Amino acid sequence: MFGFGKKKKELIDDEKLYAPVSGKVADLATVSDPVFAQKMMGEGFAIEPEDPIVVSPAAGTVTVLQPHAVGLKRADGLEVLVHMGIDTVSMNGKPFKLFVKVGDVVAGGDKLAQVDWPMIKAAGFPLTTMVLITNSKDALDTFSVNYGPAQQGQEIGQATSK
């Protein structure tokens, strides 16, 4: 009940990237928001979500928690941000239910959040979800992703640090 005796998950060194939701993985350049499309927030990929559960795109420790975004720090120092929808910050958290807290250690494919995509669509916002490596300029060495259809939690690419 209080988590006593509960074994804390260990951070694993995993360079793989995973699809945070089932949907079509696309190049960031195709995203309607220029901040993401021009990679101002870092290298990454976009995905058009087809299901309400969002899983971790990488193994890491949760470092940032906003209703619409979860940030992770991998064992190798890469910082990965999952941004759910575009301009969804203005929805004040309503369509989002988070399952993690800052300090939690997650593996790729672990459940992070549940999103009410129909609510976001009804509000007129794009559902496009981005996975960004926010410290790309300083820490990213190689990045590769397979574009096209993907299933939630499926390995779709790799990112290595310098």
Protein backbone atom coordinates (compact mmCIF):
# COMPACT_ATOMS: atom_id res chain seq x y z
CA MET A 1 0.00 0.00 0.00
CA PHE A 2 2.79 2.46 0.84
CA GLY A 3 5.35 0.99 -1.56
CA PHE A 4 7.56 -0.35 1.25
CA GLY A 5 9.77 -3.11 -0.06
CA LYS A 6 8.89 -2.14 -3.61
CA LYS A 7 12.01 -2.57 -5.72
CA LYS A 8 13.06 0.63 -7.46
CA LYS A 9 13.53 0.20 -11.19
CA GLU A 10 17.11 0.62 -12.39
CA LEU A 11 17.97 2.92 -15.27
CA ILE A 12 19.18 0.89 -18.23
CA ASP A 13 21.48 2.16 -20.97
CA ASP A 14 19.28 1.77 -24.06
CA GLU A 15 19.94 3.71 -27.28
CA LYS A 16 16.70 2.55 -28.93
CA LEU A 17 13.73 4.79 -29.68
CA TYR A 18 10.18 3.46 -29.42
CA ALA A 19 6.83 4.62 -30.83
CA PRO A 20 4.97 6.42 -28.03
CA VAL A 21 1.60 5.60 -29.63
CA SER A 22 0.35 3.55 -32.54
CA GLY A 23 0.18 5.69 -35.66
CA LYS A 24 2.15 7.03 -38.59
CA VAL A 25 5.71 8.13 -37.77
CA ALA A 26 6.77 11.20 -39.77
CA ASP A 27 9.69 13.59 -40.19
CA LEU A 28 9.59 16.67 -37.94
CA ALA A 29 9.74 18.85 -41.07
CA THR A 30 6.10 17.86 -41.79
CA VAL A 31 4.78 19.22 -38.46
CA SER A 32 2.46 22.27 -38.71
CA ASP A 33 4.21 24.15 -35.87
CA PRO A 34 7.46 25.79 -37.10
CA VAL A 35 9.12 25.50 -33.67
CA PHE A 36 9.03 21.71 -34.04
CA ALA A 37 9.35 21.55 -37.85
CA GLN A 38 12.51 23.67 -37.83
CA LYS A 39 13.95 21.57 -34.99
CA MET A 40 14.26 24.55 -32.66
CA MET A 41 13.54 22.19 -29.76
CA GLY A 42 15.87 19.51 -31.09
CA GLU A 43 16.08 16.53 -33.41
CA GLY A 44 13.27 14.02 -33.28
CA PHE A 45 10.17 12.66 -34.96
CA ALA A 46 6.42 13.16 -35.06
CA ILE A 47 3.59 10.66 -34.92
CA GLU A 48 -0.13 10.94 -35.61
CA PRO A 49 -1.69 9.06 -32.66
CA GLU A 50 -4.30 6.34 -33.06
CA ASP A 51 -4.76 5.30 -29.42
CA PRO A 52 -5.16 7.04 -26.05
CA ILE A 53 -2.23 5.47 -24.17
CA VAL A 54 1.18 7.14 -24.54
CA VAL A 55 4.24 5.06 -23.66
CA SER A 56 7.85 6.05 -23.14
CA PRO A 57 9.85 6.50 -26.36
CA ALA A 58 13.09 5.79 -24.48
CA ALA A 59 14.51 4.38 -21.27
CA GLY A 60 15.22 7.14 -18.79
CA THR A 61 14.47 9.00 -15.60
CA VAL A 62 11.47 11.34 -15.62
CA THR A 63 12.87 14.88 -15.25
CA VAL A 64 10.08 17.11 -16.60
CA LEU A 65 6.37 16.71 -16.04
CA GLN A 66 3.78 18.97 -17.61
CA PRO A 67 0.19 17.88 -18.31
CA HIS A 68 0.98 17.82 -22.07
CA ALA A 69 4.65 16.77 -21.98
CA VAL A 70 6.98 14.32 -20.26
CA GLY A 71 10.76 14.78 -20.25
CA LEU A 72 13.25 11.96 -19.70
CA LYS A 73 17.00 11.80 -19.22
CA ARG A 74 18.61 8.68 -20.63
CA ALA A 75 21.58 6.94 -19.00
CA ASP A 76 23.85 8.41 -21.71
CA GLY A 77 22.67 11.97 -20.97
CA LEU A 78 20.35 12.48 -23.94
CA GLU A 79 17.23 14.40 -22.92
CA VAL A 80 14.03 13.15 -24.57
CA LEU A 81 10.75 15.07 -24.51
CA VAL A 82 7.35 13.65 -25.47
CA HIS A 83 5.05 16.54 -26.44
CA MET A 84 1.43 15.38 -26.80
CA GLY A 85 -0.43 17.46 -29.38
CA ILE A 86 0.30 20.96 -30.64
CA ASP A 87 -0.74 24.04 -28.60
CA THR A 88 -2.30 21.70 -26.03
CA VAL A 89 -0.62 23.61 -23.17
CA SER A 90 -3.59 25.99 -23.41
CA MET A 91 -5.98 23.18 -22.40
CA ASN A 92 -4.72 23.37 -18.80
CA GLY A 93 -4.23 19.63 -18.48
CA LYS A 94 -7.86 18.62 -19.10
CA PRO A 95 -7.31 15.91 -21.74
CA PHE A 96 -4.28 14.37 -20.00
CA LYS A 97 -3.86 11.79 -17.24
CA LEU A 98 -0.24 11.15 -16.23
CA PHE A 99 0.96 7.85 -14.75
CA VAL A 100 4.51 8.89 -13.79
CA LYS A 101 6.15 11.42 -11.51
CA VAL A 102 9.51 13.22 -11.55
CA GLY A 103 12.23 10.79 -10.47
CA ASP A 104 10.51 7.67 -11.82
CA VAL A 105 12.69 5.38 -13.94
CA VAL A 106 11.01 4.02 -17.06
CA ALA A 107 11.94 1.60 -19.82
CA GLY A 108 11.02 2.15 -23.45
CA GLY A 109 7.38 1.17 -23.83
CA ASP A 110 6.35 1.86 -20.21
CA LYS A 111 3.03 3.70 -19.82
CA LEU A 112 3.39 7.47 -19.33
CA ALA A 113 -0.03 9.00 -19.95
CA GLN A 114 -3.54 8.67 -21.26
CA VAL A 115 -4.88 11.33 -23.64
CA ASP A 116 -8.42 12.23 -24.66
CA TRP A 117 -7.59 12.86 -28.33
CA PRO A 118 -11.25 13.56 -29.30
CA MET A 119 -11.28 16.44 -26.75
CA ILE A 120 -8.12 17.90 -28.30
CA LYS A 121 -9.53 17.51 -31.81
CA ALA A 122 -12.82 19.16 -30.75
CA ALA A 123 -10.81 22.11 -29.39
CA GLY A 124 -9.27 22.51 -32.86
CA PHE A 125 -5.72 21.50 -32.01
CA PRO A 126 -3.54 19.09 -34.03
CA LEU A 127 -3.04 15.68 -32.39
CA THR A 128 0.52 15.41 -33.72
CA THR A 129 2.78 14.12 -30.96
CA MET A 130 6.50 14.85 -31.07
CA VAL A 131 9.46 13.04 -29.57
CA LEU A 132 12.36 15.46 -29.32
CA ILE A 133 15.97 15.19 -28.18
CA THR A 134 16.15 18.60 -26.55
CA ASN A 135 19.93 18.62 -26.06
CA SER A 136 20.65 17.52 -29.65
CA LYS A 137 23.12 20.31 -30.39
CA ASP A 138 25.39 19.42 -27.49
CA ALA A 139 24.88 15.72 -26.93
CA LEU A 140 23.47 13.91 -29.99
CA ASP A 141 25.85 11.95 -32.23
CA THR A 142 23.61 9.85 -34.50
CA PHE A 143 19.85 9.72 -35.00
CA SER A 144 17.78 7.41 -37.19
CA VAL A 145 14.07 6.61 -37.31
CA ASN A 146 11.95 4.41 -39.55
CA TYR A 147 9.05 6.49 -40.89
CA GLY A 148 5.63 5.01 -41.63
CA PRO A 149 3.14 2.95 -39.61
CA ALA A 150 4.22 1.84 -36.14
CA GLN A 151 2.66 0.13 -33.15
CA GLN A 152 2.83 1.59 -29.65
CA GLY A 153 6.07 0.49 -27.96
CA GLN A 154 7.61 -0.80 -31.21
CA GLU A 155 11.31 -0.09 -31.71
CA ILE A 156 11.48 2.45 -34.53
CA GLY A 157 14.96 3.90 -34.35
CA GLN A 158 18.06 4.77 -32.40
CA ALA A 159 19.84 7.80 -31.01
CA THR A 160 23.43 7.76 -29.78
CA SER A 161 25.16 10.36 -27.68
CA LYS A 162 28.55 11.98 -28.34
